[in-house]
Amino acid sequence: MGSESGYHAAVLRIALTAALALAFAGSASASFSDPTLAKSLKTQMVKTFKKQAPALKITTVTCTAPTSGVTAKCTAHFTDGSIKGYYPVKATIHDNGKMTWVAQSPKCLNAKTGKYGAC
């Protein structure tokens, strides 16, 4: 399992590096969607939240990686019973291929207004 994890980290690092290089060639200030990073982040978040909040379900994760740097801005949507919301997340790919992430305070959907606010 350890070598499989290392393989996935290497593939993720290579994909992110290639995508960053391609995006940088197009525009110095642009960003791009990164589905590989989003999938890896979702897997880690599901595992973490399964322990911390078993009723919370991570539904979709999207990530936008900058053309320079290694920290992506992600949005992890969730449901918890009838509550719908999202976590703003910062995900960082380190030189060794490992990813770390930090989720900020969640935002919950207000059914009456259709807007997100504090939970």
PDB file of N, CA and C in Angstrom:
ATOM      1  N   MET A   1       0.816  -1.187   0.000  1.00  0.00           N
ATOM      2  CA  MET A   1       0.000   0.000   0.000  1.00  0.00           C
ATOM      3  C   MET A   1       0.864   1.257   0.000  1.00  0.00           C
ATOM      4  N   GLY A   2       2.032   1.196   0.673  1.00  0.00           N
ATOM      5  CA  GLY A   2       2.907   2.352   0.730  1.00  0.00           C
ATOM      6  C   GLY A   2       3.434   2.735  -0.638  1.00  0.00           C
ATOM      7  N   SER A   3       3.813   1.734  -1.444  1.00  0.00           N
ATOM      8  CA  SER A   3       4.336   2.043  -2.769  1.00  0.00           C
ATOM      9  C   SER A   3       3.231   2.559  -3.678  1.00  0.00           C
ATOM     10  N   GLU A   4       2.000   2.048  -3.498  1.00  0.00           N
ATOM     11  CA  GLU A   4       0.873   2.541  -4.298  1.00  0.00           C
ATOM     12  C   GLU A   4       0.609   4.004  -3.968  1.00  0.00           C
ATOM     13  N   SER A   5       0.686   4.359  -2.689  1.00  0.00           N
ATOM     14  CA  SER A   5       0.490   5.739  -2.267  1.00  0.00           C
ATOM     15  C   SER A   5       1.585   6.628  -2.857  1.00  0.00           C
ATOM     16  N   GLY A   6       2.819   6.130  -2.848  1.00  0.00           N
ATOM     17  CA  GLY A   6       3.927   6.882  -3.429  1.00  0.00           C
ATOM     18  C   GLY A   6       3.747   7.055  -4.925  1.00  0.00           C
ATOM     19  N   TYR A   7       3.230   6.020  -5.578  1.00  0.00           N
ATOM     20  CA  TYR A   7       2.969   6.101  -7.018  1.00  0.00           C
ATOM     21  C   TYR A   7       1.943   7.175  -7.315  1.00  0.00           C
ATOM     22  N   HIS A   8       0.831   7.166  -6.547  1.00  0.00           N
ATOM     23  CA  HIS A   8      -0.220   8.163  -6.765  1.00  0.00           C
ATOM     24  C   HIS A   8       0.294   9.575  -6.493  1.00  0.00           C
ATOM     25  N   ALA A   9       1.109   9.730  -5.487  1.00  0.00           N
ATOM     26  CA  ALA A   9       1.683  11.045  -5.185  1.00  0.00           C
ATOM     27  C   ALA A   9       2.571  11.505  -6.337  1.00  0.00           C
ATOM     28  N   ALA A  10       3.365  10.586  -6.875  1.00  0.00           N
ATOM     29  CA  ALA A  10       4.247  10.940  -7.995  1.00  0.00           C
ATOM     30  C   ALA A  10       3.438  11.324  -9.227  1.00  0.00           C
ATOM     31  N   VAL A  11       2.383  10.552  -9.514  1.00  0.00           N
ATOM     32  CA  VAL A  11       1.531  10.863 -10.667  1.00  0.00           C
ATOM     33  C   VAL A  11       0.863  12.218 -10.468  1.00  0.00           C
ATOM     34  N   LEU A  12       0.376  12.481  -9.266  1.00  0.00           N
ATOM     35  CA  LEU A  12      -0.268  13.750  -8.968  1.00  0.00           C
ATOM     36  C   LEU A  12       0.724  14.904  -9.137  1.00  0.00           C
ATOM     37  N   ARG A  13       1.947  14.728  -8.632  1.00  0.00           N
ATOM     38  CA  ARG A  13       2.956  15.773  -8.741  1.00  0.00           C
ATOM     39  C   ARG A  13       3.313  16.036 -10.206  1.00  0.00           C
ATOM     40  N   ILE A  14       3.460  14.973 -10.992  1.00  0.00           N
ATOM     41  CA  ILE A  14       3.789  15.121 -12.415  1.00  0.00           C
ATOM     42  C   ILE A  14       2.651  15.814 -13.153  1.00  0.00           C
ATOM     43  N   ALA A  15       1.405  15.399 -12.879  1.00  0.00           N
ATOM     44  CA  ALA A  15       0.255  16.008 -13.550  1.00  0.00           C
ATOM     45  C   ALA A  15       0.141  17.479 -13.196  1.00  0.00           C
ATOM     46  N   LEU A  16       0.335  17.802 -11.917  1.00  0.00           N
ATOM     47  CA  LEU A  16       0.236  19.190 -11.497  1.00  0.00           C
ATOM     48  C   LEU A  16       1.355  20.024 -12.110  1.00  0.00           C
ATOM     49  N   THR A  17       2.569  19.483 -12.133  1.00  0.00           N
ATOM     50  CA  THR A  17       3.694  20.201 -12.712  1.00  0.00           C
ATOM     51  C   THR A  17       3.474  20.455 -14.201  1.00  0.00           C
ATOM     52  N   ALA A  18       3.010  19.441 -14.924  1.00  0.00           N
ATOM     53  CA  ALA A  18       2.754  19.604 -16.359  1.00  0.00           C
ATOM     54  C   ALA A  18       1.639  20.616 -16.604  1.00  0.00           C
ATOM     55  N   ALA A  19       0.590  20.526 -15.818  1.00  0.00           N
ATOM     56  CA  ALA A  19      -0.529  21.459 -15.981  1.00  0.00           C
ATOM     57  C   ALA A  19      -0.089  22.878 -15.657  1.00  0.00           C
ATOM     58  N   LEU A  20       0.724  23.040 -14.614  1.00  0.00           N
ATOM     59  CA  LEU A  20       1.223  24.370 -14.272  1.00  0.00           C
ATOM     60  C   LEU A  20       2.075  24.934 -15.405  1.00  0.00           C
ATOM     61  N   ALA A  21       2.918  24.097 -15.985  1.00  0.00           N
ATOM     62  CA  ALA A  21       3.774  24.558 -17.086  1.00  0.00           C
ATOM     63  C   ALA A  21       2.942  24.981 -18.291  1.00  0.00           C
ATOM     64  N   LEU A  22       1.948  24.187 -18.640  1.00  0.00           N
ATOM     65  CA  LEU A  22       1.091  24.533 -19.769  1.00  0.00           C
ATOM     66  C   LEU A  22       0.298  25.799 -19.508  1.00  0.00           C
ATOM     67  N   ALA A  23      -0.244  25.913 -18.326  1.00  0.00           N
ATOM     68  CA  ALA A  23      -1.035  27.103 -18.008  1.00  0.00           C
ATOM     69  C   ALA A  23      -0.165  28.338 -17.965  1.00  0.00           C
ATOM     70  N   PHE A  24       1.058  28.200 -17.435  1.00  0.00           N
ATOM     71  CA  PHE A  24       1.943  29.349 -17.351  1.00  0.00           C
ATOM     72  C   PHE A  24       2.315  29.850 -18.737  1.00  0.00           C
ATOM     73  N   ALA A  25       2.415  28.958 -19.676  1.00  0.00           N
ATOM     74  CA  ALA A  25       2.744  29.356 -21.048  1.00  0.00           C
ATOM     75  C   ALA A  25       1.638  30.227 -21.636  1.00  0.00           C
ATOM     76  N   GLY A  26       0.402  30.028 -21.189  1.00  0.00           N
ATOM     77  CA  GLY A  26      -0.721  30.781 -21.724  1.00  0.00           C
ATOM     78  C   GLY A  26      -0.903  32.141 -21.085  1.00  0.00           C
ATOM     79  N   SER A  27      -0.780  32.234 -19.777  1.00  0.00           N
ATOM     80  CA  SER A  27      -1.032  33.493 -19.100  1.00  0.00           C
ATOM     81  C   SER A  27      -0.401  33.471 -17.724  1.00  0.00           C
ATOM     82  N   ALA A  28       0.273  34.543 -17.377  1.00  0.00           N
ATOM     83  CA  ALA A  28       0.953  34.602 -16.090  1.00  0.00           C
ATOM     84  C   ALA A  28      -0.016  34.803 -14.937  1.00  0.00           C
ATOM     85  N   SER A  29      -1.217  35.299 -15.175  1.00  0.00           N
ATOM     86  CA  SER A  29      -2.127  35.579 -14.071  1.00  0.00           C
ATOM     87  C   SER A  29      -3.341  34.654 -14.056  1.00  0.00           C
ATOM     88  N   ALA A  30      -3.424  33.724 -14.966  1.00  0.00           N
ATOM     89  CA  ALA A  30      -4.592  32.849 -15.051  1.00  0.00           C
ATOM     90  C   ALA A  30      -4.480  31.703 -14.053  1.00  0.00           C
ATOM     91  N   SER A  31      -5.589  30.997 -13.905  1.00  0.00           N
ATOM     92  CA  SER A  31      -5.608  29.790 -13.098  1.00  0.00           C
ATOM     93  C   SER A  31      -6.369  28.742 -13.901  1.00  0.00           C
ATOM     94  N   PHE A  32      -6.348  27.492 -13.421  1.00  0.00           N
ATOM     95  CA  PHE A  32      -7.006  26.448 -14.182  1.00  0.00           C
ATOM     96  C   PHE A  32      -7.602  25.415 -13.241  1.00  0.00           C
ATOM     97  N   SER A  33      -8.599  24.715 -13.736  1.00  0.00           N
ATOM     98  CA  SER A  33      -9.246  23.651 -12.982  1.00  0.00           C
ATOM     99  C   SER A  33      -8.334  22.438 -12.970  1.00  0.00           C
ATOM    100  N   ASP A  34      -8.278  21.754 -11.829  1.00  0.00           N
ATOM    101  CA  ASP A  34      -7.406  20.592 -11.706  1.00  0.00           C
ATOM    102  C   ASP A  34      -8.201  19.404 -11.156  1.00  0.00           C
ATOM    103  N   PRO A  35      -8.813  18.591 -12.041  1.00  0.00           N
ATOM    104  CA  PRO A  35      -9.625  17.469 -11.577  1.00  0.00           C
ATOM    105  C   PRO A  35      -8.829  16.375 -10.863  1.00  0.00           C
ATOM    106  N   THR A  36      -7.566  16.193 -11.202  1.00  0.00           N
ATOM    107  CA  THR A  36      -6.745  15.184 -10.530  1.00  0.00           C
ATOM    108  C   THR A  36      -6.518  15.577  -9.073  1.00  0.00           C
ATOM    109  N   LEU A  37      -6.206  16.831  -8.855  1.00  0.00           N
ATOM    110  CA  LEU A  37      -6.021  17.331  -7.492  1.00  0.00           C
ATOM    111  C   LEU A  37      -7.332  17.237  -6.720  1.00  0.00           C
ATOM    112  N   ALA A  38      -8.441  17.605  -7.355  1.00  0.00           N
ATOM    113  CA  ALA A  38      -9.751  17.563  -6.704  1.00  0.00           C
ATOM    114  C   ALA A  38     -10.097  16.140  -6.261  1.00  0.00           C
ATOM    115  N   LYS A  39      -9.825  15.166  -7.102  1.00  0.00           N
ATOM    116  CA  LYS A  39     -10.127  13.769  -6.775  1.00  0.00           C
ATOM    117  C   LYS A  39      -9.295  13.304  -5.581  1.00  0.00           C
ATOM    118  N   SER A  40      -8.013  13.635  -5.584  1.00  0.00           N
ATOM    119  CA  SER A  40      -7.131  13.251  -4.486  1.00  0.00           C
ATOM    120  C   SER A  40      -7.556  13.934  -3.184  1.00  0.00           C
ATOM    121  N   LEU A  41      -7.902  15.208  -3.269  1.00  0.00           N
ATOM    122  CA  LEU A  41      -8.352  15.941  -2.087  1.00  0.00           C
ATOM    123  C   LEU A  41      -9.648  15.354  -1.541  1.00  0.00           C
ATOM    124  N   LYS A  42     -10.583  15.041  -2.420  1.00  0.00           N
ATOM    125  CA  LYS A  42     -11.853  14.460  -1.975  1.00  0.00           C
ATOM    126  C   LYS A  42     -11.607  13.159  -1.216  1.00  0.00           C
ATOM    127  N   THR A  43     -10.733  12.319  -1.736  1.00  0.00           N
ATOM    128  CA  THR A  43     -10.421  11.055  -1.075  1.00  0.00           C
ATOM    129  C   THR A  43      -9.903  11.298   0.340  1.00  0.00           C
ATOM    130  N   GLN A  44      -8.988  12.247   0.492  1.00  0.00           N
ATOM    131  CA  GLN A  44      -8.433  12.547   1.812  1.00  0.00           C
ATOM    132  C   GLN A  44      -9.487  13.148   2.739  1.00  0.00           C
ATOM    133  N   MET A  45     -10.324  14.045   2.202  1.00  0.00           N
ATOM    134  CA  MET A  45     -11.338  14.688   3.033  1.00  0.00           C
ATOM    135  C   MET A  45     -12.400  13.688   3.495  1.00  0.00           C
ATOM    136  N   VAL A  46     -12.817  12.795   2.609  1.00  0.00           N
ATOM    137  CA  VAL A  46     -13.808  11.772   2.978  1.00  0.00           C
ATOM    138  C   VAL A  46     -13.264  10.942   4.138  1.00  0.00           C
ATOM    139  N   LYS A  47     -12.016  10.536   4.047  1.00  0.00           N
ATOM    140  CA  LYS A  47     -11.400   9.732   5.100  1.00  0.00           C
ATOM    141  C   LYS A  47     -11.352  10.508   6.421  1.00  0.00           C
ATOM    142  N   THR A  48     -10.960  11.768   6.377  1.00  0.00           N
ATOM    143  CA  THR A  48     -10.863  12.589   7.583  1.00  0.00           C
ATOM    144  C   THR A  48     -12.224  12.849   8.200  1.00  0.00           C
ATOM    145  N   PHE A  49     -13.193  13.261   7.378  1.00  0.00           N
ATOM    146  CA  PHE A  49     -14.505  13.612   7.916  1.00  0.00           C
ATOM    147  C   PHE A  49     -15.308  12.385   8.344  1.00  0.00           C
ATOM    148  N   LYS A  50     -14.991  11.226   7.809  1.00  0.00           N
ATOM    149  CA  LYS A  50     -15.678   9.997   8.227  1.00  0.00           C
ATOM    150  C   LYS A  50     -15.444   9.757   9.718  1.00  0.00           C
ATOM    151  N   LYS A  51     -14.254  10.117  10.181  1.00  0.00           N
ATOM    152  CA  LYS A  51     -13.913   9.965  11.590  1.00  0.00           C
ATOM    153  C   LYS A  51     -14.475  11.109  12.434  1.00  0.00           C
ATOM    154  N   GLN A  52     -14.364  12.348  11.935  1.00  0.00           N
ATOM    155  CA  GLN A  52     -14.728  13.522  12.715  1.00  0.00           C
ATOM    156  C   GLN A  52     -16.223  13.826  12.706  1.00  0.00           C
ATOM    157  N   ALA A  53     -16.879  13.598  11.588  1.00  0.00           N
ATOM    158  CA  ALA A  53     -18.308  13.912  11.437  1.00  0.00           C
ATOM    159  C   ALA A  53     -18.938  12.856  10.531  1.00  0.00           C
ATOM    160  N   PRO A  54     -19.268  11.693  11.082  1.00  0.00           N
ATOM    161  CA  PRO A  54     -19.738  10.571  10.264  1.00  0.00           C
ATOM    162  C   PRO A  54     -20.968  10.875   9.401  1.00  0.00           C
ATOM    163  N   ALA A  55     -21.837  11.792   9.816  1.00  0.00           N
ATOM    164  CA  ALA A  55     -23.042  12.098   9.034  1.00  0.00           C
ATOM    165  C   ALA A  55     -22.753  13.034   7.865  1.00  0.00           C
ATOM    166  N   LEU A  56     -21.619  13.714   7.900  1.00  0.00           N
ATOM    167  CA  LEU A  56     -21.265  14.664   6.839  1.00  0.00           C
ATOM    168  C   LEU A  56     -20.756  13.901   5.624  1.00  0.00           C
ATOM    169  N   LYS A  57     -21.271  14.237   4.461  1.00  0.00           N
ATOM    170  CA  LYS A  57     -20.867  13.581   3.212  1.00  0.00           C
ATOM    171  C   LYS A  57     -20.268  14.616   2.267  1.00  0.00           C
ATOM    172  N   ILE A  58     -19.022  14.400   1.880  1.00  0.00           N
ATOM    173  CA  ILE A  58     -18.386  15.259   0.876  1.00  0.00           C
ATOM    174  C   ILE A  58     -18.961  14.825  -0.471  1.00  0.00           C
ATOM    175  N   THR A  59     -19.563  15.769  -1.206  1.00  0.00           N
ATOM    176  CA  THR A  59     -20.214  15.401  -2.463  1.00  0.00           C
ATOM    177  C   THR A  59     -19.328  15.698  -3.670  1.00  0.00           C
ATOM    178  N   THR A  60     -18.990  16.939  -3.893  1.00  0.00           N
ATOM    179  CA  THR A  60     -18.119  17.283  -5.020  1.00  0.00           C
ATOM    180  C   THR A  60     -17.002  18.198  -4.542  1.00  0.00           C
ATOM    181  N   VAL A  61     -15.851  18.047  -5.160  1.00  0.00           N
ATOM    182  CA  VAL A  61     -14.703  18.896  -4.856  1.00  0.00           C
ATOM    183  C   VAL A  61     -14.175  19.446  -6.173  1.00  0.00           C
ATOM    184  N   THR A  62     -13.957  20.741  -6.203  1.00  0.00           N
ATOM    185  CA  THR A  62     -13.337  21.377  -7.367  1.00  0.00           C
ATOM    186  C   THR A  62     -12.122  22.153  -6.886  1.00  0.00           C
ATOM    187  N   CYS A  63     -11.089  22.185  -7.707  1.00  0.00           N
ATOM    188  CA  CYS A  63      -9.870  22.904  -7.361  1.00  0.00           C
ATOM    189  C   CYS A  63      -9.424  23.776  -8.518  1.00  0.00           C
ATOM    190  N   THR A  64      -8.947  24.947  -8.170  1.00  0.00           N
ATOM    191  CA  THR A  64      -8.357  25.856  -9.137  1.00  0.00           C
ATOM    192  C   THR A  64      -6.926  26.088  -8.704  1.00  0.00           C
ATOM    193  N   ALA A  65      -6.013  25.641  -9.533  1.00  0.00           N
ATOM    194  CA  ALA A  65      -4.594  25.786  -9.226  1.00  0.00           C
ATOM    195  C   ALA A  65      -4.056  27.037  -9.902  1.00  0.00           C
ATOM    196  N   PRO A  66      -3.200  27.772  -9.215  1.00  0.00           N
ATOM    197  CA  PRO A  66      -2.594  28.952  -9.835  1.00  0.00           C
ATOM    198  C   PRO A  66      -1.527  28.538 -10.834  1.00  0.00           C
ATOM    199  N   THR A  67      -1.204  29.445 -11.739  1.00  0.00           N
ATOM    200  CA  THR A  67      -0.161  29.124 -12.717  1.00  0.00           C
ATOM    201  C   THR A  67       1.226  29.214 -12.102  1.00  0.00           C
ATOM    202  N   SER A  68       1.343  29.907 -10.975  1.00  0.00           N
ATOM    203  CA  SER A  68       2.626  29.928 -10.279  1.00  0.00           C
ATOM    204  C   SER A  68       2.363  29.556  -8.824  1.00  0.00           C
ATOM    205  N   GLY A  69       3.226  28.765  -8.273  1.00  0.00           N
ATOM    206  CA  GLY A  69       3.044  28.320  -6.897  1.00  0.00           C
ATOM    207  C   GLY A  69       2.484  26.913  -6.845  1.00  0.00           C
ATOM    208  N   VAL A  70       2.314  26.418  -5.634  1.00  0.00           N
ATOM    209  CA  VAL A  70       1.871  25.047  -5.455  1.00  0.00           C
ATOM    210  C   VAL A  70       0.615  24.944  -4.602  1.00  0.00           C
ATOM    211  N   THR A  71       0.007  26.069  -4.234  1.00  0.00           N
ATOM    212  CA  THR A  71      -1.191  26.043  -3.407  1.00  0.00           C
ATOM    213  C   THR A  71      -2.420  26.305  -4.262  1.00  0.00           C
ATOM    214  N   ALA A  72      -3.332  25.357  -4.210  1.00  0.00           N
ATOM    215  CA  ALA A  72      -4.577  25.461  -4.979  1.00  0.00           C
ATOM    216  C   ALA A  72      -5.708  25.890  -4.049  1.00  0.00           C
ATOM    217  N   LYS A  73      -6.675  26.590  -4.633  1.00  0.00           N
ATOM    218  CA  LYS A  73      -7.896  26.936  -3.908  1.00  0.00           C
ATOM    219  C   LYS A  73      -8.965  25.953  -4.344  1.00  0.00           C
ATOM    220  N   CYS A  74      -9.587  25.326  -3.353  1.00  0.00           N
ATOM    221  CA  CYS A  74     -10.572  24.296  -3.649  1.00  0.00           C
ATOM    222  C   CYS A  74     -11.880  24.597  -2.928  1.00  0.00           C
ATOM    223  N   THR A  75     -12.938  23.998  -3.422  1.00  0.00           N
ATOM    224  CA  THR A  75     -14.254  24.080  -2.801  1.00  0.00           C
ATOM    225  C   THR A  75     -14.759  22.655  -2.652  1.00  0.00           C
ATOM    226  N   ALA A  76     -15.037  22.283  -1.396  1.00  0.00           N
ATOM    227  CA  ALA A  76     -15.525  20.933  -1.103  1.00  0.00           C
ATOM    228  C   ALA A  76     -16.973  21.031  -0.634  1.00  0.00           C
ATOM    229  N   HIS A  77     -17.889  20.664  -1.510  1.00  0.00           N
ATOM    230  CA  HIS A  77     -19.313  20.711  -1.172  1.00  0.00           C
ATOM    231  C   HIS A  77     -19.672  19.516  -0.299  1.00  0.00           C
ATOM    232  N   PHE A  78     -20.643  19.733   0.594  1.00  0.00           N
ATOM    233  CA  PHE A  78     -21.048  18.661   1.497  1.00  0.00           C
ATOM    234  C   PHE A  78     -22.540  18.729   1.795  1.00  0.00           C
ATOM    235  N   THR A  79     -23.038  17.624   2.316  1.00  0.00           N
ATOM    236  CA  THR A  79     -24.378  17.574   2.895  1.00  0.00           C
ATOM    237  C   THR A  79     -24.219  16.957   4.279  1.00  0.00           C
ATOM    238  N   ASP A  80     -25.078  17.369   5.167  1.00  0.00           N
ATOM    239  CA  ASP A  80     -25.121  16.815   6.520  1.00  0.00           C
ATOM    240  C   ASP A  80     -26.591  16.801   6.908  1.00  0.00           C
ATOM    241  N   GLY A  81     -27.240  15.681   6.626  1.00  0.00           N
ATOM    242  CA  GLY A  81     -28.695  15.635   6.793  1.00  0.00           C
ATOM    243  C   GLY A  81     -29.328  16.548   5.752  1.00  0.00           C
ATOM    244  N   SER A  82     -30.120  17.505   6.204  1.00  0.00           N
ATOM    245  CA  SER A  82     -30.768  18.438   5.277  1.00  0.00           C
ATOM    246  C   SER A  82     -29.916  19.679   5.005  1.00  0.00           C
ATOM    247  N   ILE A  83     -28.773  19.789   5.663  1.00  0.00           N
ATOM    248  CA  ILE A  83     -27.886  20.943   5.492  1.00  0.00           C
ATOM    249  C   ILE A  83     -26.999  20.729   4.277  1.00  0.00           C
ATOM    250  N   LYS A  84     -26.906  21.770   3.451  1.00  0.00           N
ATOM    251  CA  LYS A  84     -25.990  21.758   2.304  1.00  0.00           C
ATOM    252  C   LYS A  84     -25.020  22.909   2.478  1.00  0.00           C
ATOM    253  N   GLY A  85     -23.773  22.680   2.096  1.00  0.00           N
ATOM    254  CA  GLY A  85     -22.789  23.736   2.218  1.00  0.00           C
ATOM    255  C   GLY A  85     -21.499  23.380   1.527  1.00  0.00           C
ATOM    256  N   TYR A  86     -20.470  24.164   1.826  1.00  0.00           N
ATOM    257  CA  TYR A  86     -19.151  23.895   1.261  1.00  0.00           C
ATOM    258  C   TYR A  86     -18.070  24.390   2.213  1.00  0.00           C
ATOM    259  N   TYR A  87     -16.905  23.783   2.070  1.00  0.00           N
ATOM    260  CA  TYR A  87     -15.710  24.215   2.773  1.00  0.00           C
ATOM    261  C   TYR A  87     -14.775  24.857   1.766  1.00  0.00           C
ATOM    262  N   PRO A  88     -14.300  26.077   2.021  1.00  0.00           N
ATOM    263  CA  PRO A  88     -13.178  26.601   1.242  1.00  0.00           C
ATOM    264  C   PRO A  88     -11.923  25.867   1.735  1.00  0.00           C
ATOM    265  N   VAL A  89     -11.114  25.376   0.811  1.00  0.00           N
ATOM    266  CA  VAL A  89      -9.943  24.572   1.180  1.00  0.00           C
ATOM    267  C   VAL A  89      -8.724  25.069   0.417  1.00  0.00           C
ATOM    268  N   LYS A  90      -7.591  25.087   1.103  1.00  0.00           N
ATOM    269  CA  LYS A  90      -6.312  25.352   0.449  1.00  0.00           C
ATOM    270  C   LYS A  90      -5.526  24.050   0.469  1.00  0.00           C
ATOM    271  N   ALA A  91      -5.126  23.602  -0.712  1.00  0.00           N
ATOM    272  CA  ALA A  91      -4.369  22.354  -0.848  1.00  0.00           C
ATOM    273  C   ALA A  91      -2.986  22.673  -1.392  1.00  0.00           C
ATOM    274  N   THR A  92      -1.973  22.109  -0.765  1.00  0.00           N
ATOM    275  CA  THR A  92      -0.591  22.364  -1.168  1.00  0.00           C
ATOM    276  C   THR A  92       0.086  21.055  -1.532  1.00  0.00           C
ATOM    277  N   ILE A  93       0.729  21.036  -2.703  1.00  0.00           N
ATOM    278  CA  ILE A  93       1.532  19.890  -3.126  1.00  0.00           C
ATOM    279  C   ILE A  93       2.983  20.221  -2.794  1.00  0.00           C
ATOM    280  N   HIS A  94       3.598  19.368  -1.992  1.00  0.00           N
ATOM    281  CA  HIS A  94       4.973  19.593  -1.561  1.00  0.00           C
ATOM    282  C   HIS A  94       5.953  18.925  -2.523  1.00  0.00           C
ATOM    283  N   ASP A  95       7.221  19.297  -2.417  1.00  0.00           N
ATOM    284  CA  ASP A  95       8.257  18.758  -3.302  1.00  0.00           C
ATOM    285  C   ASP A  95       8.330  17.238  -3.264  1.00  0.00           C
ATOM    286  N   ASN A  96       7.984  16.637  -2.124  1.00  0.00           N
ATOM    287  CA  ASN A  96       8.047  15.185  -2.012  1.00  0.00           C
ATOM    288  C   ASN A  96       6.806  14.507  -2.594  1.00  0.00           C
ATOM    289  N   GLY A  97       5.871  15.299  -3.164  1.00  0.00           N
ATOM    290  CA  GLY A  97       4.673  14.749  -3.795  1.00  0.00           C
ATOM    291  C   GLY A  97       3.489  14.612  -2.866  1.00  0.00           C
ATOM    292  N   LYS A  98       3.694  14.829  -1.585  1.00  0.00           N
ATOM    293  CA  LYS A  98       2.588  14.725  -0.635  1.00  0.00           C
ATOM    294  C   LYS A  98       1.752  15.995  -0.654  1.00  0.00           C
ATOM    295  N   MET A  99       0.473  15.807  -0.383  1.00  0.00           N
ATOM    296  CA  MET A  99      -0.439  16.933  -0.341  1.00  0.00           C
ATOM    297  C   MET A  99      -0.892  17.167   1.092  1.00  0.00           C
ATOM    298  N   THR A 100      -0.928  18.424   1.484  1.00  0.00           N
ATOM    299  CA  THR A 100      -1.539  18.805   2.745  1.00  0.00           C
ATOM    300  C   THR A 100      -2.668  19.775   2.415  1.00  0.00           C
ATOM    301  N   TRP A 101      -3.651  19.833   3.295  1.00  0.00           N
ATOM    302  CA  TRP A 101      -4.780  20.722   3.049  1.00  0.00           C
ATOM    303  C   TRP A 101      -5.313  21.277   4.351  1.00  0.00           C
ATOM    304  N   VAL A 102      -5.922  22.452   4.237  1.00  0.00           N
ATOM    305  CA  VAL A 102      -6.532  23.116   5.376  1.00  0.00           C
ATOM    306  C   VAL A 102      -7.908  23.588   4.940  1.00  0.00           C
ATOM    307  N   ALA A 103      -8.930  23.129   5.668  1.00  0.00           N
ATOM    308  CA  ALA A 103     -10.294  23.564   5.394  1.00  0.00           C
ATOM    309  C   ALA A 103     -10.605  24.757   6.292  1.00  0.00           C
ATOM    310  N   GLN A 104     -11.180  25.798   5.692  1.00  0.00           N
ATOM    311  CA  GLN A 104     -11.606  26.959   6.461  1.00  0.00           C
ATOM    312  C   GLN A 104     -13.011  26.704   6.999  1.00  0.00           C
ATOM    313  N   SER A 105     -13.580  27.668   7.698  1.00  0.00           N
ATOM    314  CA  SER A 105     -14.925  27.515   8.255  1.00  0.00           C
ATOM    315  C   SER A 105     -15.924  27.251   7.145  1.00  0.00           C
ATOM    316  N   PRO A 106     -16.839  26.304   7.383  1.00  0.00           N
ATOM    317  CA  PRO A 106     -17.815  25.973   6.337  1.00  0.00           C
ATOM    318  C   PRO A 106     -18.824  27.094   6.106  1.00  0.00           C
ATOM    319  N   LYS A 107     -19.368  27.084   4.917  1.00  0.00           N
ATOM    320  CA  LYS A 107     -20.449  27.994   4.532  1.00  0.00           C
ATOM    321  C   LYS A 107     -21.669  27.129   4.260  1.00  0.00           C
ATOM    322  N   CYS A 108     -22.816  27.507   4.827  1.00  0.00           N
ATOM    323  CA  CYS A 108     -24.033  26.725   4.651  1.00  0.00           C
ATOM    324  C   CYS A 108     -25.058  27.498   3.838  1.00  0.00           C
ATOM    325  N   LEU A 109     -25.838  26.756   3.068  1.00  0.00           N
ATOM    326  CA  LEU A 109     -26.849  27.355   2.207  1.00  0.00           C
ATOM    327  C   LEU A 109     -28.088  27.697   3.026  1.00  0.00           C
ATOM    328  N   ASN A 110     -28.518  28.947   2.925  1.00  0.00           N
ATOM    329  CA  ASN A 110     -29.764  29.379   3.549  1.00  0.00           C
ATOM    330  C   ASN A 110     -30.870  29.129   2.531  1.00  0.00           C
ATOM    331  N   ALA A 111     -31.762  28.198   2.842  1.00  0.00           N
ATOM    332  CA  ALA A 111     -32.814  27.800   1.891  1.00  0.00           C
ATOM    333  C   ALA A 111     -33.747  28.951   1.555  1.00  0.00           C
ATOM    334  N   LYS A 112     -33.947  29.880   2.488  1.00  0.00           N
ATOM    335  CA  LYS A 112     -34.865  31.005   2.243  1.00  0.00           C
ATOM    336  C   LYS A 112     -34.271  32.031   1.281  1.00  0.00           C
ATOM    337  N   THR A 113     -32.986  32.347   1.453  1.00  0.00           N
ATOM    338  CA  THR A 113     -32.376  33.372   0.618  1.00  0.00           C
ATOM    339  C   THR A 113     -31.635  32.809  -0.584  1.00  0.00           C
ATOM    340  N   GLY A 114     -31.262  31.517  -0.519  1.00  0.00           N
ATOM    341  CA  GLY A 114     -30.494  30.908  -1.599  1.00  0.00           C
ATOM    342  C   GLY A 114     -29.041  31.331  -1.586  1.00  0.00           C
ATOM    343  N   LYS A 115     -28.568  31.935  -0.463  1.00  0.00           N
ATOM    344  CA  LYS A 115     -27.191  32.394  -0.350  1.00  0.00           C
ATOM    345  C   LYS A 115     -26.474  31.603   0.728  1.00  0.00           C
ATOM    346  N   TYR A 116     -25.150  31.584   0.580  1.00  0.00           N
ATOM    347  CA  TYR A 116     -24.324  30.896   1.563  1.00  0.00           C
ATOM    348  C   TYR A 116     -23.887  31.877   2.657  1.00  0.00           C
ATOM    349  N   GLY A 117     -23.831  31.359   3.878  1.00  0.00           N
ATOM    350  CA  GLY A 117     -23.379  32.167   5.009  1.00  0.00           C
ATOM    351  C   GLY A 117     -22.775  31.244   6.059  1.00  0.00           C
ATOM    352  N   ALA A 118     -22.471  31.815   7.214  1.00  0.00           N
ATOM    353  CA  ALA A 118     -21.900  31.020   8.297  1.00  0.00           C
ATOM    354  C   ALA A 118     -22.853  29.908   8.707  1.00  0.00           C
ATOM    355  N   CYS A 119     -22.305  28.795   9.093  1.00  0.00           N
ATOM    356  CA  CYS A 119     -23.118  27.651   9.538  1.00  0.00           C
ATOM    357  C   CYS A 119     -23.454  27.776  11.017  1.00  0.00           C
TER     358      CYS A 119
END
